[in-house]
Amino acid sequence: MKTLAEVLPEVDRLSEEDQSGLVAHILANLRGAPLGPDDKEVARREAEIDAGTAEFITFDELRDAVGR
């Protein structure tokens, strides 16, 4: 089996699409990884946007909120 140090240069040579697929694969198989919102949550948020009740924030506000 290859080590992480051996694999990383190969990953760096992948296309952006293939890197995204690799990330999705790793997250789907990693126990405890956040899975994101489910379809019900997405529908709820879309309904809030459509109704005009959603509260939007800027990217700067988001970055400040997560401490980066």
PDB file of N, CA and C in Angstrom:
ATOM      1  N   MET A   1       0.846  -1.178   0.000  1.00  0.00           N
ATOM      2  CA  MET A   1       0.000   0.000   0.000  1.00  0.00           C
ATOM      3  C   MET A   1       0.889   1.238   0.000  1.00  0.00           C
ATOM      4  N   LYS A   2       0.477   2.255  -0.758  1.00  0.00           N
ATOM      5  CA  LYS A   2       1.239   3.497  -0.826  1.00  0.00           C
ATOM      6  C   LYS A   2       1.008   4.337   0.425  1.00  0.00           C
ATOM      7  N   THR A   3       1.998   5.132   0.772  1.00  0.00           N
ATOM      8  CA  THR A   3       1.863   6.058   1.885  1.00  0.00           C
ATOM      9  C   THR A   3       1.223   7.354   1.396  1.00  0.00           C
ATOM     10  N   LEU A   4       0.776   8.170   2.334  1.00  0.00           N
ATOM     11  CA  LEU A   4       0.206   9.459   1.977  1.00  0.00           C
ATOM     12  C   LEU A   4       1.222  10.313   1.225  1.00  0.00           C
ATOM     13  N   ALA A   5       2.457  10.306   1.668  1.00  0.00           N
ATOM     14  CA  ALA A   5       3.506  11.082   1.005  1.00  0.00           C
ATOM     15  C   ALA A   5       3.698  10.645  -0.444  1.00  0.00           C
ATOM     16  N   GLU A   6       3.482   9.388  -0.732  1.00  0.00           N
ATOM     17  CA  GLU A   6       3.613   8.890  -2.100  1.00  0.00           C
ATOM     18  C   GLU A   6       2.405   9.261  -2.959  1.00  0.00           C
ATOM     19  N   VAL A   7       1.245   9.331  -2.342  1.00  0.00           N
ATOM     20  CA  VAL A   7       0.005   9.582  -3.074  1.00  0.00           C
ATOM     21  C   VAL A   7      -0.197  11.067  -3.372  1.00  0.00           C
ATOM     22  N   LEU A   8       0.212  11.946  -2.472  1.00  0.00           N
ATOM     23  CA  LEU A   8      -0.068  13.372  -2.639  1.00  0.00           C
ATOM     24  C   LEU A   8       0.423  13.955  -3.960  1.00  0.00           C
ATOM     25  N   PRO A   9       1.629  13.665  -4.415  1.00  0.00           N
ATOM     26  CA  PRO A   9       2.034  14.208  -5.718  1.00  0.00           C
ATOM     27  C   PRO A   9       1.142  13.736  -6.866  1.00  0.00           C
ATOM     28  N   GLU A  10       0.645  12.519  -6.766  1.00  0.00           N
ATOM     29  CA  GLU A  10      -0.262  12.010  -7.790  1.00  0.00           C
ATOM     30  C   GLU A  10      -1.598  12.760  -7.735  1.00  0.00           C
ATOM     31  N   VAL A  11      -2.076  13.022  -6.535  1.00  0.00           N
ATOM     32  CA  VAL A  11      -3.323  13.763  -6.363  1.00  0.00           C
ATOM     33  C   VAL A  11      -3.182  15.170  -6.933  1.00  0.00           C
ATOM     34  N   ASP A  12      -2.033  15.790  -6.705  1.00  0.00           N
ATOM     35  CA  ASP A  12      -1.798  17.142  -7.216  1.00  0.00           C
ATOM     36  C   ASP A  12      -1.855  17.203  -8.741  1.00  0.00           C
ATOM     37  N   ARG A  13      -1.575  16.107  -9.402  1.00  0.00           N
ATOM     38  CA  ARG A  13      -1.597  16.066 -10.864  1.00  0.00           C
ATOM     39  C   ARG A  13      -2.988  15.773 -11.443  1.00  0.00           C
ATOM     40  N   LEU A  14      -3.943  15.421 -10.593  1.00  0.00           N
ATOM     41  CA  LEU A  14      -5.301  15.149 -11.063  1.00  0.00           C
ATOM     42  C   LEU A  14      -5.979  16.437 -11.518  1.00  0.00           C
ATOM     43  N   SER A  15      -6.944  16.297 -12.391  1.00  0.00           N
ATOM     44  CA  SER A  15      -7.753  17.452 -12.782  1.00  0.00           C
ATOM     45  C   SER A  15      -8.571  17.908 -11.576  1.00  0.00           C
ATOM     46  N   GLU A  16      -9.059  19.137 -11.641  1.00  0.00           N
ATOM     47  CA  GLU A  16      -9.889  19.643 -10.548  1.00  0.00           C
ATOM     48  C   GLU A  16     -11.125  18.772 -10.364  1.00  0.00           C
ATOM     49  N   GLU A  17     -11.698  18.315 -11.456  1.00  0.00           N
ATOM     50  CA  GLU A  17     -12.881  17.447 -11.381  1.00  0.00           C
ATOM     51  C   GLU A  17     -12.544  16.133 -10.671  1.00  0.00           C
ATOM     52  N   ASP A  18     -11.415  15.537 -11.010  1.00  0.00           N
ATOM     53  CA  ASP A  18     -11.023  14.288 -10.362  1.00  0.00           C
ATOM     54  C   ASP A  18     -10.666  14.504  -8.893  1.00  0.00           C
ATOM     55  N   GLN A  19     -10.043  15.632  -8.574  1.00  0.00           N
ATOM     56  CA  GLN A  19      -9.750  15.933  -7.168  1.00  0.00           C
ATOM     57  C   GLN A  19     -11.043  16.080  -6.378  1.00  0.00           C
ATOM     58  N   SER A  20     -12.047  16.740  -6.967  1.00  0.00           N
ATOM     59  CA  SER A  20     -13.341  16.884  -6.304  1.00  0.00           C
ATOM     60  C   SER A  20     -13.987  15.526  -6.077  1.00  0.00           C
ATOM     61  N   GLY A  21     -13.889  14.655  -7.066  1.00  0.00           N
ATOM     62  CA  GLY A  21     -14.432  13.307  -6.910  1.00  0.00           C
ATOM     63  C   GLY A  21     -13.728  12.537  -5.820  1.00  0.00           C
ATOM     64  N   LEU A  22     -12.412  12.715  -5.718  1.00  0.00           N
ATOM     65  CA  LEU A  22     -11.644  12.044  -4.671  1.00  0.00           C
ATOM     66  C   LEU A  22     -12.059  12.543  -3.291  1.00  0.00           C
ATOM     67  N   VAL A  23     -12.222  13.846  -3.162  1.00  0.00           N
ATOM     68  CA  VAL A  23     -12.661  14.421  -1.880  1.00  0.00           C
ATOM     69  C   VAL A  23     -14.032  13.863  -1.492  1.00  0.00           C
ATOM     70  N   ALA A  24     -14.957  13.841  -2.447  1.00  0.00           N
ATOM     71  CA  ALA A  24     -16.294  13.314  -2.172  1.00  0.00           C
ATOM     72  C   ALA A  24     -16.223  11.856  -1.739  1.00  0.00           C
ATOM     73  N   HIS A  25     -15.380  11.093  -2.393  1.00  0.00           N
ATOM     74  CA  HIS A  25     -15.225   9.678  -2.047  1.00  0.00           C
ATOM     75  C   HIS A  25     -14.673   9.521  -0.627  1.00  0.00           C
ATOM     76  N   ILE A  26     -13.655  10.293  -0.311  1.00  0.00           N
ATOM     77  CA  ILE A  26     -13.049  10.203   1.025  1.00  0.00           C
ATOM     78  C   ILE A  26     -14.054  10.602   2.092  1.00  0.00           C
ATOM     79  N   LEU A  27     -14.756  11.717   1.896  1.00  0.00           N
ATOM     80  CA  LEU A  27     -15.730  12.166   2.893  1.00  0.00           C
ATOM     81  C   LEU A  27     -16.863  11.157   3.068  1.00  0.00           C
ATOM     82  N   ALA A  28     -17.304  10.556   1.974  1.00  0.00           N
ATOM     83  CA  ALA A  28     -18.399   9.582   2.059  1.00  0.00           C
ATOM     84  C   ALA A  28     -17.991   8.343   2.834  1.00  0.00           C
ATOM     85  N   ASN A  29     -16.692   8.052   2.869  1.00  0.00           N
ATOM     86  CA  ASN A  29     -16.219   6.847   3.537  1.00  0.00           C
ATOM     87  C   ASN A  29     -15.539   7.112   4.867  1.00  0.00           C
ATOM     88  N   LEU A  30     -15.539   8.363   5.312  1.00  0.00           N
ATOM     89  CA  LEU A  30     -14.885   8.731   6.562  1.00  0.00           C
ATOM     90  C   LEU A  30     -15.930   8.818   7.667  1.00  0.00           C
ATOM     91  N   ARG A  31     -15.776   7.981   8.675  1.00  0.00           N
ATOM     92  CA  ARG A  31     -16.724   8.008   9.784  1.00  0.00           C
ATOM     93  C   ARG A  31     -16.663   9.353  10.493  1.00  0.00           C
ATOM     94  N   GLY A  32     -17.835   9.899  10.789  1.00  0.00           N
ATOM     95  CA  GLY A  32     -17.911  11.154  11.513  1.00  0.00           C
ATOM     96  C   GLY A  32     -17.757  12.394  10.650  1.00  0.00           C
ATOM     97  N   ALA A  33     -17.575  12.220   9.346  1.00  0.00           N
ATOM     98  CA  ALA A  33     -17.439  13.387   8.470  1.00  0.00           C
ATOM     99  C   ALA A  33     -18.798  14.066   8.314  1.00  0.00           C
ATOM    100  N   PRO A  34     -18.804  15.393   8.271  1.00  0.00           N
ATOM    101  CA  PRO A  34     -20.087  16.083   8.078  1.00  0.00           C
ATOM    102  C   PRO A  34     -20.636  15.781   6.691  1.00  0.00           C
ATOM    103  N   LEU A  35     -21.913  15.487   6.625  1.00  0.00           N
ATOM    104  CA  LEU A  35     -22.521  15.102   5.360  1.00  0.00           C
ATOM    105  C   LEU A  35     -23.244  16.261   4.682  1.00  0.00           C
ATOM    106  N   GLY A  36     -23.444  17.361   5.380  1.00  0.00           N
ATOM    107  CA  GLY A  36     -24.143  18.501   4.807  1.00  0.00           C
ATOM    108  C   GLY A  36     -25.639  18.357   4.975  1.00  0.00           C
ATOM    109  N   PRO A  37     -26.377  19.323   4.453  1.00  0.00           N
ATOM    110  CA  PRO A  37     -27.833  19.302   4.634  1.00  0.00           C
ATOM    111  C   PRO A  37     -28.490  18.206   3.795  1.00  0.00           C
ATOM    112  N   ASP A  38     -29.577  17.666   4.339  1.00  0.00           N
ATOM    113  CA  ASP A  38     -30.336  16.681   3.571  1.00  0.00           C
ATOM    114  C   ASP A  38     -31.347  17.418   2.681  1.00  0.00           C
ATOM    115  N   ASP A  39     -32.077  16.677   1.879  1.00  0.00           N
ATOM    116  CA  ASP A  39     -33.022  17.285   0.940  1.00  0.00           C
ATOM    117  C   ASP A  39     -34.085  18.110   1.651  1.00  0.00           C
ATOM    118  N   LYS A  40     -34.521  17.653   2.825  1.00  0.00           N
ATOM    119  CA  LYS A  40     -35.547  18.378   3.579  1.00  0.00           C
ATOM    120  C   LYS A  40     -35.018  19.748   4.017  1.00  0.00           C
ATOM    121  N   GLU A  41     -33.777  19.798   4.477  1.00  0.00           N
ATOM    122  CA  GLU A  41     -33.178  21.047   4.906  1.00  0.00           C
ATOM    123  C   GLU A  41     -32.992  21.996   3.724  1.00  0.00           C
ATOM    124  N   VAL A  42     -32.561  21.481   2.592  1.00  0.00           N
ATOM    125  CA  VAL A  42     -32.389  22.308   1.393  1.00  0.00           C
ATOM    126  C   VAL A  42     -33.734  22.894   0.972  1.00  0.00           C
ATOM    127  N   ALA A  43     -34.779  22.081   0.986  1.00  0.00           N
ATOM    128  CA  ALA A  43     -36.121  22.556   0.613  1.00  0.00           C
ATOM    129  C   ALA A  43     -36.595  23.640   1.576  1.00  0.00           C
ATOM    130  N   ARG A  44     -36.330  23.466   2.867  1.00  0.00           N
ATOM    131  CA  ARG A  44     -36.725  24.470   3.858  1.00  0.00           C
ATOM    132  C   ARG A  44     -36.020  25.792   3.594  1.00  0.00           C
ATOM    133  N   ARG A  45     -34.726  25.730   3.325  1.00  0.00           N
ATOM    134  CA  ARG A  45     -33.959  26.954   3.073  1.00  0.00           C
ATOM    135  C   ARG A  45     -34.398  27.630   1.780  1.00  0.00           C
ATOM    136  N   GLU A  46     -34.683  26.841   0.751  1.00  0.00           N
ATOM    137  CA  GLU A  46     -35.178  27.416  -0.503  1.00  0.00           C
ATOM    138  C   GLU A  46     -36.523  28.105  -0.296  1.00  0.00           C
ATOM    139  N   ALA A  47     -37.377  27.501   0.525  1.00  0.00           N
ATOM    140  CA  ALA A  47     -38.684  28.102   0.814  1.00  0.00           C
ATOM    141  C   ALA A  47     -38.507  29.435   1.543  1.00  0.00           C
ATOM    142  N   GLU A  48     -37.538  29.512   2.459  1.00  0.00           N
ATOM    143  CA  GLU A  48     -37.272  30.770   3.151  1.00  0.00           C
ATOM    144  C   GLU A  48     -36.801  31.848   2.172  1.00  0.00           C
ATOM    145  N   ILE A  49     -35.954  31.464   1.235  1.00  0.00           N
ATOM    146  CA  ILE A  49     -35.478  32.419   0.230  1.00  0.00           C
ATOM    147  C   ILE A  49     -36.643  32.892  -0.622  1.00  0.00           C
ATOM    148  N   ASP A  50     -37.465  31.938  -1.089  1.00  0.00           N
ATOM    149  CA  ASP A  50     -38.607  32.289  -1.942  1.00  0.00           C
ATOM    150  C   ASP A  50     -39.610  33.181  -1.209  1.00  0.00           C
ATOM    151  N   ALA A  51     -39.774  32.954   0.101  1.00  0.00           N
ATOM    152  CA  ALA A  51     -40.725  33.732   0.891  1.00  0.00           C
ATOM    153  C   ALA A  51     -40.151  35.083   1.319  1.00  0.00           C
ATOM    154  N   GLY A  52     -38.865  35.271   1.108  1.00  0.00           N
ATOM    155  CA  GLY A  52     -38.237  36.521   1.512  1.00  0.00           C
ATOM    156  C   GLY A  52     -37.939  36.604   2.997  1.00  0.00           C
ATOM    157  N   THR A  53     -37.936  35.467   3.676  1.00  0.00           N
ATOM    158  CA  THR A  53     -37.685  35.471   5.123  1.00  0.00           C
ATOM    159  C   THR A  53     -36.270  35.029   5.485  1.00  0.00           C
ATOM    160  N   ALA A  54     -35.492  34.654   4.485  1.00  0.00           N
ATOM    161  CA  ALA A  54     -34.118  34.223   4.755  1.00  0.00           C
ATOM    162  C   ALA A  54     -33.260  35.425   5.105  1.00  0.00           C
ATOM    163  N   GLU A  55     -32.345  35.224   6.054  1.00  0.00           N
ATOM    164  CA  GLU A  55     -31.403  36.275   6.410  1.00  0.00           C
ATOM    165  C   GLU A  55     -30.072  35.956   5.746  1.00  0.00           C
ATOM    166  N   PHE A  56     -29.605  36.854   4.898  1.00  0.00           N
ATOM    167  CA  PHE A  56     -28.361  36.648   4.173  1.00  0.00           C
ATOM    168  C   PHE A  56     -27.213  37.346   4.882  1.00  0.00           C
ATOM    169  N   ILE A  57     -26.021  36.774   4.763  1.00  0.00           N
ATOM    170  CA  ILE A  57     -24.818  37.404   5.289  1.00  0.00           C
ATOM    171  C   ILE A  57     -23.782  37.460   4.168  1.00  0.00           C
ATOM    172  N   THR A  58     -22.832  38.372   4.324  1.00  0.00           N
ATOM    173  CA  THR A  58     -21.766  38.484   3.333  1.00  0.00           C
ATOM    174  C   THR A  58     -20.708  37.424   3.607  1.00  0.00           C
ATOM    175  N   PHE A  59     -19.819  37.231   2.639  1.00  0.00           N
ATOM    176  CA  PHE A  59     -18.722  36.289   2.828  1.00  0.00           C
ATOM    177  C   PHE A  59     -17.841  36.731   3.992  1.00  0.00           C
ATOM    178  N   ASP A  60     -17.595  38.029   4.114  1.00  0.00           N
ATOM    179  CA  ASP A  60     -16.790  38.534   5.229  1.00  0.00           C
ATOM    180  C   ASP A  60     -17.435  38.216   6.571  1.00  0.00           C
ATOM    181  N   GLU A  61     -18.755  38.342   6.657  1.00  0.00           N
ATOM    182  CA  GLU A  61     -19.472  38.012   7.899  1.00  0.00           C
ATOM    183  C   GLU A  61     -19.343  36.511   8.201  1.00  0.00           C
ATOM    184  N   LEU A  62     -19.439  35.682   7.181  1.00  0.00           N
ATOM    185  CA  LEU A  62     -19.288  34.250   7.363  1.00  0.00           C
ATOM    186  C   LEU A  62     -17.884  33.926   7.863  1.00  0.00           C
ATOM    187  N   ARG A  63     -16.888  34.484   7.193  1.00  0.00           N
ATOM    188  CA  ARG A  63     -15.495  34.231   7.579  1.00  0.00           C
ATOM    189  C   ARG A  63     -15.242  34.666   9.025  1.00  0.00           C
ATOM    190  N   ASP A  64     -15.763  35.822   9.403  1.00  0.00           N
ATOM    191  CA  ASP A  64     -15.599  36.291  10.784  1.00  0.00           C
ATOM    192  C   ASP A  64     -16.307  35.366  11.769  1.00  0.00           C
ATOM    193  N   ALA A  65     -17.445  34.837  11.381  1.00  0.00           N
ATOM    194  CA  ALA A  65     -18.220  33.962  12.267  1.00  0.00           C
ATOM    195  C   ALA A  65     -17.508  32.643  12.533  1.00  0.00           C
ATOM    196  N   VAL A  66     -16.767  32.147  11.542  1.00  0.00           N
ATOM    197  CA  VAL A  66     -16.057  30.880  11.725  1.00  0.00           C
ATOM    198  C   VAL A  66     -14.625  31.090  12.175  1.00  0.00           C
ATOM    199  N   GLY A  67     -14.236  32.347  12.339  1.00  0.00           N
ATOM    200  CA  GLY A  67     -12.928  32.641  12.908  1.00  0.00           C
ATOM    201  C   GLY A  67     -11.760  32.469  11.973  1.00  0.00           C
ATOM    202  N   ARG A  68     -11.955  32.742  10.701  1.00  0.00           N
ATOM    203  CA  ARG A  68     -10.830  32.606   9.756  1.00  0.00           C
ATOM    204  C   ARG A  68     -10.519  33.937   9.138  1.00  0.00           C
TER     205      ARG A  68
END
